[in-house]
Every structure is written in C-alpha cells, then in structure tokens.
C-alpha cells in the first residue's frame, strides 16, 4: 500500500487479482478496492468474482469498485458543470438531427430535380423587368430598340422592338402600303410566343399574301394596359402616322374598368421582389417579404419547383399564394355595375378618334381562359372558394357587347369560336402562363382575317371615292 500524501483525505484505489483455477484451467479475475484511511473513517473494500465467457474461456469482471473519500469534492448532478453539460447535450442532439434532416432533404430535392429534368422537363421563368420603361401619362411602355429574350413559363421567346417600342419581328419593322394600328394589353404583346406566331405577326404575313402587297401592323400592345391607356396610345399614334384600320383587343378578364383614368404615374408592371425582413405581422407582408422572393428565385432555377407549383395551383390559390385573380366581370353581382357603360364609353371615344383620322375601327372581345376551358373554370372555383351559382361565364360578352352597340361600336366576340375549338381538343392557352398559345393566336387570326380584309377594302374604297362637290 502506498503512503497517503500528507494533508489529503483518504482515496480508494483498485487492483485486480488474476488467478488460474487448476482443475478447470480457467482464469479467475478478482477486483478489489481498498481505501486510504483516516483516523475518523473505517476501511472499506469490495470484491466481486468473475463470470466465464464460454466462447473464449476468459472471465469478465463484474465487480464495481466503490470509490469513496476522494481527495477533491465530487461533482453532483446539481453542480454548475453537470447542469451545463446536461443542457448542452439536448441542444447538440437537436442540432445533429436538423443537420441530418437538412442533408436528407437536400439529397432528395437534388434527385427529384434531376428526375424532373430527365422525365418531365419544365420551363423556367426568366422574367425581364428591363423590358418595360416607366413613362409619364401612360405609366410604362416597352423600351425602344430592344433585343432580348424572355420566358414567362411556356418557352424562351425573342423580344425585339422598333424605335417606337412596338414589338416587331427579328428582321425588323415592316414598311407596308397598308397599315394597321393594333391596341391591346399583354394578350397582344404576346411575350409567350414568337412574334411570327402572334396575331400581329400572322396578320402581317397572311394579309400580305392575300392582298398581294405589304401590310404593316404596328403592335402597340403592352402588358398590364387597359382601355384608358389604349385611348392615350391611339391619340399618340394616329397623330404621327396614317392607318387604314384600328384594331382594338379587349380582354374580358380585366379590361372592363370601373373608372376612366386620365393619366398614370410612371412605374413598372413587373415588380422585382427582394428578400427582406417583414415590417409587420400581417400575412400579406410575410408573403411580399419572404414568399415572393423565394418564389421568384425558385421559378428561375428549379424545374421541380415549377412542376409542383403547376400541380398544386389549386391549393396555392386557396391559401392566397398565387398572383392569379378571378375576373370580377364574371360575377353575377357585377351585372348592375357601371363598369360596362364606362368601358363602352372609352372604346367609343377610340372609335371617334380613329374616324377623325380617316380610319375605321374593329373591336375584338378576347375571352378569359375560364370562359373557354371548363376544367380550368371548376379548378379556379375550388381554389378561390367561389360558389358556381355566383358566376355567369357569358356575362361579360353579353353586357359589354350590348353597351358597345348602344354606342354603335363595331365589335366581334370570339368566345363561340374559342369554345368550339376547345371542344375539339385545341389548347388555346398556355399551361403555366394563361395567355394565348400559338394555337390560340392562330385561331384568332383566322377568325379575324376576313373581317380585317373587308374593312381594309372599305377603307380603300372610301379613300378612292371622290369627295362630294361643294354647294
């Protein structure tokens, strides 16, 4: 036994005694503990025998040394060191769990992204806010002399504009003997298709072939515009150039307006969402500060995200996580609204303005996707939680046509033509971007072509007829 150091309490020590049992040739291990002793403490020792390991013939010690009378204070569970350790251990476990979950989700997302790109490729949305230029009165226009590409969710499209900001073909602006002024919004701007596939491009090509002379279409359509802006643009264009026809597209989804705006503040129709901290606890603020930036980033980088977003559109609509809006003009409660007469008055002013410059007009009512695609209609009702009895799909066409004809405005409604084509299986609108597809523009041009030719001919006859003799 070693001598106890002076000035210390007693301390236990352990030793092992290993012996061989002669009759069986097995090792026996004894573990013993013995303490240093002070005059106030009795000696303490414990002993335990061993158990044979039948496979190896060795014995495993089961004895436990009782350590008492340590020369330093023992740390109990209530001490600060043990408490801090106990608190760190759950935190460490949670951190490890989160790391494992994050790693698993990252791997799963990566494999899902790869699978979608191989099996069901999706179009990534690459919006270009630099396509539009903020201006006074009109609010925004297309930048002039633009050469770029854009993808709103259907396909990558080349975008080219002339010196006036009108969209043109890659080859540039057409110089035609006959000119058509096209007024409209994003349905005429047609950034979902190449220019040659749009109504403007098809009219230029097919009318030139039918009439045997170049026909130029000045496509002034800009996304987000409405009838008051159509009037402002018509006034500007007709003052600069002679036109043989003014063709006005009226989209029934959002072109039926409640009031007339005299001028618009300069702004961009395509806001850019930046990730930031929410300024309040309102749900709309969280969506604008967090969800929109995340959505914009994922739309540009993840095909898996685009697939899930398309498939879960109804659910996202129900929770207000989509920019999609249900057209108010379809609601029966709007039947007595002043919007019909206000819109008809603005459109009749465009007609009067064109007549003053010697050009006839033709107004075309473009249906919303809900009016044509019954499956899309019922999906939107579930998403927006709207009772089907509160909706009249024919209401915009019926009420706006009646209001326009009261002003003796020349209007054509293509809704019956679109419905008939949809029944045959034609996909007239995009899957992701709900603007007209190439098939939709092709149908629109084929329906309007004879009407346009008839009015161009009438304008030519009117221009060739001699002026009445003065009395």
Protein backbone atom coordinates (compact mmCIF):
# COMPACT_ATOMS: atom_id res chain seq x y z
CA UNK A 1 0.00 0.00 0.00
CA UNK A 2 1.30 3.44 -0.89
CA UNK A 3 1.54 6.01 1.85
CA UNK A 4 -1.16 8.66 1.88
CA UNK A 5 0.08 12.12 0.99
CA UNK A 6 0.09 14.48 3.89
CA UNK A 7 -2.89 16.82 4.18
CA UNK A 8 -5.23 14.88 1.98
CA UNK A 9 -8.39 12.92 2.58
CA UNK A 10 -8.38 9.23 2.01
CA UNK A 11 -8.76 7.89 -1.54
CA UNK A 12 -9.75 4.47 -2.82
CA UNK A 13 -7.64 2.53 -5.24
CA UNK A 14 -8.38 -0.64 -7.20
CA UNK A 15 -6.33 -3.62 -8.07
CA UNK A 16 -7.08 -6.83 -9.91
CA UNK A 17 -6.04 -10.27 -8.85
CA UNK A 18 -5.95 -12.83 -11.61
CA UNK A 19 -5.54 -16.48 -10.77
CA UNK A 20 -5.81 -19.78 -12.50
CA UNK A 21 -8.17 -22.39 -11.23
CA UNK A 22 -6.12 -25.62 -11.56
CA UNK A 23 -8.94 -28.08 -12.00
CA UNK A 24 -10.53 -26.26 -14.99
CA UNK A 25 -7.64 -24.25 -16.38
CA UNK A 26 -9.66 -21.06 -16.42
CA UNK A 27 -8.64 -17.62 -15.41
CA UNK A 28 -10.34 -16.06 -12.43
CA UNK A 29 -10.24 -12.36 -12.01
CA UNK A 30 -10.85 -10.59 -8.73
CA UNK A 31 -11.32 -6.87 -8.45
CA UNK A 32 -10.79 -5.32 -5.07
CA UNK A 33 -10.96 -1.79 -3.81
CA UNK A 34 -9.20 -0.53 -0.70
CA UNK A 35 -9.06 2.95 0.62
CA UNK A 36 -6.53 5.07 2.41
CA UNK A 37 -7.83 5.55 5.90
CA UNK A 38 -8.03 8.49 8.21
CA UNK A 39 -8.48 8.12 11.89
CA UNK A 40 -12.16 9.03 11.56
CA UNK A 41 -13.00 6.62 8.71
CA UNK A 42 -13.21 2.85 8.66
CA UNK A 43 -11.58 0.83 6.00
CA UNK A 44 -13.80 -0.09 3.02
CA UNK A 45 -13.34 -2.77 0.43
CA UNK A 46 -15.48 -4.55 -2.11
CA UNK A 47 -14.96 -7.69 -4.03
CA UNK A 48 -16.61 -9.34 -6.98
CA UNK A 49 -15.87 -12.52 -8.72
CA UNK A 50 -15.87 -13.20 -12.42
CA UNK A 51 -18.13 -14.91 -14.96
CA UNK A 52 -16.73 -17.27 -17.56
CA UNK A 53 -17.10 -16.37 -21.22
CA UNK A 54 -18.00 -19.76 -22.65
CA UNK A 55 -16.77 -19.00 -26.17
CA UNK A 56 -13.31 -17.68 -25.29
CA UNK A 57 -12.75 -19.30 -21.90
CA UNK A 58 -11.97 -15.92 -20.27
CA UNK A 59 -13.75 -14.34 -17.37
CA UNK A 60 -15.38 -10.92 -17.48
CA UNK A 61 -15.12 -8.97 -14.27
CA UNK A 62 -18.42 -7.82 -12.86
CA UNK A 63 -17.02 -6.15 -9.78
CA UNK A 64 -17.52 -2.47 -9.27
CA UNK A 65 -15.10 -0.52 -7.19
CA UNK A 66 -16.74 1.74 -4.66
CA UNK A 67 -14.78 4.97 -4.80
CA UNK A 68 -15.20 6.94 -1.61
CA UNK A 69 -13.41 9.54 0.41
CA UNK A 70 -11.94 11.33 -2.65
CA UNK A 71 -9.23 13.93 -2.14
CA UNK A 72 -11.39 16.51 -4.08
CA UNK A 73 -15.11 17.32 -3.91
CA UNK A 74 -17.23 15.09 -6.14
CA UNK A 75 -19.39 16.92 -8.76
CA UNK A 76 -23.02 16.01 -8.29
CA UNK A 77 -25.83 16.44 -10.87
CA UNK A 78 -26.78 19.66 -9.20
CA UNK A 79 -23.42 21.34 -9.72
CA UNK A 80 -22.99 24.02 -12.46
CA UNK A 81 -20.68 21.80 -14.53
CA UNK A 82 -23.07 18.86 -14.65
CA UNK A 83 -26.05 21.18 -15.28
CA UNK A 84 -24.33 22.90 -18.23
CA UNK A 85 -23.39 19.54 -19.68
CA UNK A 86 -26.95 18.31 -19.32
CA UNK A 87 -28.25 21.41 -21.14
CA UNK A 88 -25.70 21.19 -23.95
CA UNK A 89 -26.49 17.58 -24.70
CA UNK A 90 -30.14 18.13 -25.94
CA UNK A 91 -29.01 21.17 -27.92
CA UNK A 92 -26.30 19.10 -29.55
CA UNK A 93 -28.77 16.32 -30.32
CA UNK A 94 -31.26 18.74 -31.90
CA UNK A 95 -28.53 20.34 -33.96
CA UNK A 96 -27.37 16.95 -35.24
CA UNK A 97 -30.96 15.99 -36.06
CA UNK A 98 -31.51 19.21 -38.01
CA UNK A 99 -28.28 18.71 -39.93
CA UNK A 100 -29.30 15.17 -40.83
CA UNK A 101 -32.78 16.26 -41.91
CA UNK A 102 -31.39 19.14 -43.97
CA UNK A 103 -28.89 16.85 -45.66
CA UNK A 104 -31.62 14.28 -46.43
CA UNK A 105 -33.95 16.93 -47.86
CA UNK A 106 -31.13 18.38 -49.98
CA UNK A 107 -30.30 14.98 -51.43
CA UNK A 108 -34.00 14.21 -52.04
CA UNK A 109 -34.58 17.58 -53.70
CA UNK A 110 -31.49 17.13 -55.87
CA UNK A 111 -32.61 13.69 -57.01
CA UNK A 112 -36.14 14.99 -57.66
CA UNK A 113 -34.78 17.90 -59.69
CA UNK A 114 -32.67 15.54 -61.78
CA UNK A 115 -35.61 13.19 -62.33
CA UNK A 116 -37.92 16.03 -63.46
CA UNK A 117 -35.32 17.38 -65.88
CA UNK A 118 -34.92 13.93 -67.42
CA UNK A 119 -38.54 12.72 -67.45
CA UNK A 120 -40.79 15.81 -67.42
CA UNK A 121 -38.79 18.95 -68.27
CA UNK A 122 -40.40 22.25 -67.22
CA UNK A 123 -39.91 25.79 -68.48
CA UNK A 124 -38.05 28.04 -66.05
CA UNK A 125 -39.49 31.53 -65.77
CA UNK A 126 -36.96 34.21 -66.70
CA UNK A 127 -38.79 37.49 -66.38
CA UNK A 128 -37.06 40.62 -67.57
CA UNK A 129 -38.17 43.79 -65.77
CA UNK A 130 -35.87 45.72 -68.10
CA UNK A 131 -38.31 45.11 -70.99
CA UNK A 132 -40.57 47.93 -69.78
CA UNK A 133 -39.78 51.60 -69.36
CA UNK A 134 -41.59 53.86 -66.88
CA UNK A 135 -43.05 56.97 -68.54
CA UNK A 136 -45.44 59.79 -67.72
CA UNK A 137 -49.17 59.56 -68.52
CA UNK A 138 -49.09 56.01 -69.94
CA UNK A 139 -47.30 54.63 -66.88
CA UNK A 140 -45.00 52.28 -68.79
CA UNK A 141 -44.13 51.25 -72.32
CA UNK A 142 -41.75 48.80 -73.97
CA UNK A 143 -38.20 50.01 -74.32
CA UNK A 144 -37.39 51.03 -77.91
CA UNK A 145 -34.81 49.10 -79.96
CA UNK A 146 -34.98 46.12 -77.63
CA UNK A 147 -33.14 42.88 -78.45
CA UNK A 148 -33.52 40.31 -75.69
CA UNK A 149 -35.23 37.07 -74.63
CA UNK A 150 -37.90 36.29 -72.08
CA UNK A 151 -39.60 33.19 -70.68
CA UNK A 152 -42.91 33.63 -68.84
CA UNK A 153 -43.29 29.90 -68.27
CA UNK A 154 -44.07 28.44 -71.69
CA UNK A 155 -40.93 28.84 -73.82
CA UNK A 156 -37.98 31.16 -74.35
CA UNK A 157 -39.06 33.91 -76.74
CA UNK A 158 -37.08 36.57 -78.57
CA UNK A 159 -38.29 40.12 -77.95
CA UNK A 160 -37.49 42.85 -80.47
CA UNK A 161 -38.92 46.37 -80.64
CA UNK A 162 -38.56 49.22 -83.11
CA UNK A 163 -37.69 52.86 -82.44
CA UNK A 164 -41.17 53.47 -81.03
CA UNK A 165 -41.10 50.49 -78.67
CA UNK A 166 -43.55 48.48 -80.79
CA UNK A 167 -42.86 44.77 -80.91
CA UNK A 168 -41.56 43.59 -84.30
CA UNK A 169 -40.03 40.51 -85.91
CA UNK A 170 -36.35 39.73 -85.65
CA UNK A 171 -35.93 41.13 -89.16
CA UNK A 172 -37.28 44.49 -88.08
CA UNK A 173 -40.20 46.77 -88.84
CA UNK A 174 -42.33 46.21 -91.94
CA UNK A 175 -42.85 49.14 -94.27
CA UNK A 176 -46.29 48.46 -95.77
CA UNK A 177 -48.59 50.43 -98.01
CA UNK A 178 -51.44 49.41 -95.74
CA UNK A 179 -51.03 49.92 -92.02
CA UNK A 180 -52.99 48.57 -89.06
CA UNK A 181 -52.80 50.06 -85.57
CA UNK A 182 -53.14 47.25 -83.00
CA UNK A 183 -54.11 48.30 -79.47
CA UNK A 184 -54.19 45.94 -76.51
CA UNK A 185 -52.55 44.55 -73.40
CA UNK A 186 -50.34 41.51 -72.75
CA UNK A 187 -52.60 39.34 -74.96
CA UNK A 188 -51.46 41.42 -77.97
CA UNK A 189 -47.93 41.99 -76.67
CA UNK A 190 -47.77 38.17 -76.74
CA UNK A 191 -44.49 37.56 -74.94
CA UNK A 192 -45.46 33.89 -74.63
CA UNK A 193 -44.90 33.22 -78.35
CA UNK A 194 -42.50 34.34 -81.04
CA UNK A 195 -43.62 37.43 -82.92
CA UNK A 196 -44.24 35.41 -86.08
CA UNK A 197 -46.70 33.24 -84.09
CA UNK A 198 -48.60 36.18 -82.59
CA UNK A 199 -51.72 37.81 -84.00
CA UNK A 200 -49.70 40.79 -85.24
CA UNK A 201 -47.08 38.66 -86.98
CA UNK A 202 -49.66 36.33 -88.54
CA UNK A 203 -51.71 39.25 -89.85
CA UNK A 204 -48.63 40.82 -91.46
CA UNK A 205 -47.70 37.56 -93.19
CA UNK A 206 -51.12 36.30 -94.27
CA UNK A 207 -52.68 39.64 -95.22
CA UNK A 208 -49.66 40.47 -97.37
CA UNK A 209 -50.11 37.14 -99.18
CA UNK A 210 -53.87 37.58 -99.58
CA UNK A 211 -53.75 41.20 -100.72
CA UNK A 212 -50.59 40.93 -102.80
CA UNK A 213 -48.94 43.91 -101.12
CA UNK A 214 -47.10 44.54 -97.84
CA UNK A 215 -49.31 45.08 -94.81
CA UNK A 216 -47.70 46.56 -91.70
CA UNK A 217 -49.10 46.02 -88.22
CA UNK A 218 -47.97 48.48 -85.56
CA UNK A 219 -48.31 46.37 -82.42
CA UNK A 220 -48.56 48.81 -79.51
CA UNK A 221 -49.77 46.18 -77.03
CA UNK A 222 -48.18 46.39 -73.57
CA UNK A 223 -48.74 44.06 -70.64
CA UNK A 224 -50.98 45.48 -67.90
CA UNK A 225 -52.62 48.18 -70.02
CA UNK A 226 -56.38 48.81 -70.02
CA UNK A 227 -58.81 50.85 -72.18
CA UNK A 228 -57.82 54.31 -70.87
CA UNK A 229 -54.23 53.57 -71.95
CA UNK A 230 -55.48 52.26 -75.31
CA UNK A 231 -57.11 55.63 -75.89
CA UNK A 232 -53.95 57.55 -74.94
CA UNK A 233 -51.83 55.39 -77.25
CA UNK A 234 -54.33 55.76 -80.13
CA UNK A 235 -54.23 59.52 -79.78
CA UNK A 236 -50.44 59.50 -79.87
CA UNK A 237 -50.09 57.05 -82.80
CA UNK A 238 -52.84 58.49 -85.01
CA UNK A 239 -51.31 61.95 -84.71
CA UNK A 240 -47.98 60.67 -86.10
CA UNK A 241 -48.95 58.19 -88.82
CA UNK A 242 -51.85 57.34 -91.11
CA UNK A 243 -53.57 54.00 -90.53
CA UNK A 244 -56.05 52.10 -92.67
CA UNK A 245 -57.58 50.29 -89.68
CA UNK A 246 -57.52 50.49 -85.90
CA UNK A 247 -57.84 47.02 -84.35
CA UNK A 248 -58.58 47.04 -80.61
CA UNK A 249 -58.32 43.94 -78.41
CA UNK A 250 -60.49 43.96 -75.26
CA UNK A 251 -59.61 41.20 -72.80
CA UNK A 252 -62.67 40.30 -70.76
CA UNK A 253 -60.56 39.14 -67.83
CA UNK A 254 -59.57 42.64 -66.67
CA UNK A 255 -60.28 45.22 -69.39
CA UNK A 256 -63.80 46.04 -68.17
CA UNK A 257 -62.92 49.01 -65.94
CA UNK A 258 -64.87 50.89 -63.30
CA UNK A 259 -63.49 54.35 -63.96
CA UNK A 260 -61.61 56.36 -66.51
CA UNK A 261 -58.04 57.28 -65.62
CA UNK A 262 -56.70 60.45 -67.20
CA UNK A 263 -53.04 59.63 -66.64
CA UNK A 264 -50.87 57.01 -64.95
CA UNK A 265 -47.84 57.57 -62.76
CA UNK A 266 -44.54 56.22 -64.12
CA UNK A 267 -43.99 52.68 -62.87
CA UNK A 268 -43.03 49.17 -63.94
CA UNK A 269 -45.67 46.45 -64.49
CA UNK A 270 -43.24 43.75 -63.35
CA UNK A 271 -42.14 44.44 -59.74
CA UNK A 272 -38.94 42.79 -58.53
CA UNK A 273 -39.26 41.17 -55.09
CA UNK A 274 -36.19 41.29 -52.86
CA UNK A 275 -35.73 39.13 -49.77
CA UNK A 276 -36.11 41.24 -46.62
CA UNK A 277 -37.39 41.15 -43.06
CA UNK A 278 -41.17 41.59 -42.70
CA UNK A 279 -42.15 45.05 -41.48
CA UNK A 280 -45.29 43.81 -39.73
CA UNK A 281 -47.02 40.61 -38.70
CA UNK A 282 -49.64 40.76 -41.45
CA UNK A 283 -49.81 37.73 -43.74
CA UNK A 284 -49.53 39.93 -46.86
CA UNK A 285 -46.29 41.42 -45.54
CA UNK A 286 -44.78 37.97 -44.94
CA UNK A 287 -45.78 36.92 -48.46
CA UNK A 288 -44.21 40.02 -50.01
CA UNK A 289 -41.03 39.91 -47.90
CA UNK A 290 -40.33 36.16 -47.85
CA UNK A 291 -42.54 34.04 -50.10
CA UNK A 292 -42.43 36.18 -53.25
CA UNK A 293 -38.59 36.44 -53.30
CA UNK A 294 -38.32 32.69 -52.67
CA UNK A 295 -40.88 32.04 -55.42
CA UNK A 296 -39.06 34.28 -57.91
CA UNK A 297 -35.73 32.60 -57.20
CA UNK A 298 -37.11 29.07 -57.50
CA UNK A 299 -39.03 29.88 -60.70
CA UNK A 300 -35.73 30.78 -62.33
CA UNK A 301 -33.69 27.82 -61.07
CA UNK A 302 -35.81 24.75 -60.25
CA UNK A 303 -37.85 22.70 -62.70
CA UNK A 304 -39.07 20.54 -59.82
CA UNK A 305 -40.49 23.65 -58.17
CA UNK A 306 -42.27 24.62 -61.40
CA UNK A 307 -43.80 21.14 -61.67
CA UNK A 308 -45.02 21.19 -58.06
CA UNK A 309 -46.35 24.73 -58.42
CA UNK A 310 -48.34 23.79 -61.51
CA UNK A 311 -49.77 20.65 -59.92
CA UNK A 312 -50.60 22.40 -56.65
CA UNK A 313 -52.04 25.54 -58.21
CA UNK A 314 -55.46 24.97 -56.68
CA UNK A 315 -54.02 24.59 -53.18
CA UNK A 316 -51.79 27.64 -53.57
CA UNK A 317 -54.75 29.68 -54.79
CA UNK A 318 -56.79 28.64 -51.77
CA UNK A 319 -54.10 29.94 -49.41
CA UNK A 320 -53.53 33.14 -51.37
CA UNK A 321 -50.03 32.11 -52.50
CA UNK A 322 -50.53 32.96 -56.16
CA UNK A 323 -50.77 36.21 -58.11
CA UNK A 324 -53.71 34.81 -60.06
CA UNK A 325 -57.02 36.68 -59.72
CA UNK A 326 -60.54 35.64 -60.57
CA UNK A 327 -62.14 38.05 -63.09
CA UNK A 328 -64.70 40.20 -61.30
CA UNK A 329 -66.61 40.71 -64.53
CA UNK A 330 -67.74 37.07 -64.35
CA UNK A 331 -69.52 37.54 -61.01
CA UNK A 332 -73.27 37.98 -61.17
CA UNK A 333 -73.12 40.69 -58.55
CA UNK A 334 -71.39 42.90 -61.14
CA UNK A 335 -74.33 42.80 -63.56
CA UNK A 336 -75.56 46.23 -62.44
CA UNK A 337 -72.09 47.72 -62.15
CA UNK A 338 -71.25 50.92 -64.07
CA UNK A 339 -68.15 49.18 -65.47
CA UNK A 340 -69.96 48.15 -68.66
CA UNK A 341 -71.04 51.66 -69.65
CA UNK A 342 -67.74 53.23 -68.54
CA UNK A 343 -65.71 50.82 -70.69
CA UNK A 344 -68.06 51.17 -73.67
CA UNK A 345 -67.74 54.97 -73.49
CA UNK A 346 -63.93 54.80 -73.58
CA UNK A 347 -64.00 52.41 -76.53
CA UNK A 348 -66.45 54.61 -78.43
CA UNK A 349 -64.06 57.54 -77.88
CA UNK A 350 -61.33 55.48 -79.57
CA UNK A 351 -63.74 54.89 -82.48
CA UNK A 352 -64.46 58.61 -82.77
CA UNK A 353 -60.76 59.45 -82.64
CA UNK A 354 -59.97 56.96 -85.42
CA UNK A 355 -62.82 58.28 -87.57
CA UNK A 356 -61.43 61.78 -87.21
CA UNK A 357 -58.18 60.47 -88.77
CA UNK A 358 -59.99 58.60 -91.55
CA UNK A 359 -59.57 55.08 -90.15
CA UNK A 360 -62.30 52.51 -89.41
CA UNK A 361 -62.19 50.50 -86.17
CA UNK A 362 -62.79 46.89 -85.22
CA UNK A 363 -63.08 45.84 -81.57
CA UNK A 364 -62.45 42.22 -80.61
CA UNK A 365 -63.55 40.68 -77.31
CA UNK A 366 -60.94 38.18 -76.10
CA UNK A 367 -62.33 35.60 -73.62
CA UNK A 368 -60.68 34.67 -70.33
CA UNK A 369 -59.41 31.07 -70.03
CA UNK A 370 -62.16 30.28 -67.52
CA UNK A 371 -64.79 31.03 -70.16
CA UNK A 372 -63.30 28.53 -72.60
CA UNK A 373 -61.80 25.72 -70.50
CA UNK A 374 -64.44 24.16 -68.21
CA UNK A 375 -61.83 22.16 -66.26
CA UNK A 376 -59.86 25.34 -65.59
CA UNK A 377 -63.07 27.08 -64.55
CA UNK A 378 -64.02 24.48 -61.93
CA UNK A 379 -60.45 24.32 -60.63
CA UNK A 380 -60.45 28.09 -60.13
CA UNK A 381 -63.81 27.96 -58.35
CA UNK A 382 -62.39 25.46 -55.86
CA UNK A 383 -59.19 27.45 -55.48
CA UNK A 384 -60.93 30.79 -54.91
CA UNK A 385 -63.77 29.14 -52.95
CA UNK A 386 -66.46 30.66 -55.15
CA UNK A 387 -69.92 29.19 -55.50
CA UNK A 388 -70.63 28.30 -59.12
CA UNK A 389 -74.08 29.90 -58.84
CA UNK A 390 -72.37 33.25 -58.23
CA UNK A 391 -70.71 33.15 -61.68
CA UNK A 392 -72.06 33.81 -65.17
CA UNK A 393 -69.48 32.87 -67.80
CA UNK A 394 -71.31 34.70 -70.62
CA UNK A 395 -72.00 37.87 -68.66
CA UNK A 396 -69.01 39.98 -69.85
CA UNK A 397 -69.65 39.24 -73.52
CA UNK A 398 -73.37 39.84 -73.25
CA UNK A 399 -73.31 43.05 -71.20
CA UNK A 400 -70.28 44.71 -72.79
CA UNK A 401 -71.47 43.91 -76.32
CA UNK A 402 -74.85 45.46 -75.53
CA UNK A 403 -73.22 48.57 -74.07
CA UNK A 404 -70.88 48.96 -77.06
CA UNK A 405 -73.63 48.51 -79.62
CA UNK A 406 -75.58 51.22 -77.87
CA UNK A 407 -72.70 53.45 -78.93
CA UNK A 408 -72.78 51.92 -82.44
CA UNK A 409 -69.31 50.43 -81.99
CA UNK A 410 -68.19 47.68 -84.40
CA UNK A 411 -67.45 44.70 -82.12
CA UNK A 412 -66.80 41.00 -82.67
CA UNK A 413 -66.87 38.37 -79.92
CA UNK A 414 -64.60 35.33 -80.49
CA UNK A 415 -65.88 33.36 -77.48
CA UNK A 416 -68.04 30.96 -79.59
CA UNK A 417 -65.09 30.27 -81.92
CA UNK A 418 -62.78 29.56 -78.99
CA UNK A 419 -65.26 27.26 -77.28
CA UNK A 420 -65.82 25.27 -80.44
CA UNK A 421 -62.06 24.84 -80.97
CA UNK A 422 -61.58 23.83 -77.32
CA UNK A 423 -64.19 21.08 -77.70
CA UNK A 424 -62.07 19.56 -80.48
CA UNK A 425 -59.05 19.37 -78.17
CA UNK A 426 -57.15 22.51 -79.20
CA UNK A 427 -55.11 24.00 -76.36
CA UNK A 428 -55.68 27.73 -76.82
CA UNK A 429 -53.96 28.94 -73.64
CA UNK A 430 -50.64 28.10 -72.03
CA UNK A 431 -50.25 25.56 -69.23
CA UNK A 432 -48.19 27.77 -66.94
CA UNK A 433 -48.80 31.22 -68.41
CA UNK A 434 -52.51 31.57 -69.13
CA UNK A 435 -52.09 33.78 -72.20
CA UNK A 436 -52.95 32.51 -75.70
CA UNK A 437 -50.76 29.73 -77.04
CA UNK A 438 -49.55 29.58 -80.66
CA UNK A 439 -52.79 27.69 -81.44
CA UNK A 440 -54.81 30.44 -79.75
CA UNK A 441 -53.16 33.17 -81.81
CA UNK A 442 -53.57 31.13 -84.98
CA UNK A 443 -57.30 30.69 -84.35
CA UNK A 444 -57.70 34.38 -83.53
CA UNK A 445 -56.02 35.41 -86.78
CA UNK A 446 -58.08 33.02 -88.90
CA UNK A 447 -61.30 34.33 -87.37
CA UNK A 448 -60.35 38.00 -87.78
CA UNK A 449 -58.64 37.85 -91.18
CA UNK A 450 -61.79 38.09 -93.35
CA UNK A 451 -63.16 40.85 -91.11
CA UNK A 452 -59.93 42.83 -91.38
CA UNK A 453 -59.79 42.40 -95.18
CA UNK A 454 -63.38 43.60 -95.51
CA UNK A 455 -62.66 46.74 -93.50
CA UNK A 456 -59.39 47.43 -95.29
CA UNK A 457 -61.28 47.17 -98.57
CA UNK A 458 -63.99 49.50 -97.32
CA UNK A 459 -61.36 51.98 -96.23
CA UNK A 460 -59.67 51.79 -99.63
CA UNK A 461 -62.97 52.36 -101.45
CA UNK A 462 -63.76 55.25 -99.17
CA UNK A 463 -60.36 56.82 -99.84
CA UNK A 464 -60.71 56.33 -103.62
CA UNK A 465 -64.23 57.77 -103.84
CA UNK A 466 -64.32 61.43 -104.93
CA UNK A 467 -65.22 63.98 -102.33
CA UNK A 468 -68.75 65.40 -102.63
CA UNK A 469 -68.94 68.63 -104.59
CA UNK A 470 -69.23 71.68 -102.51
CA UNK A 471 -72.52 73.51 -102.76
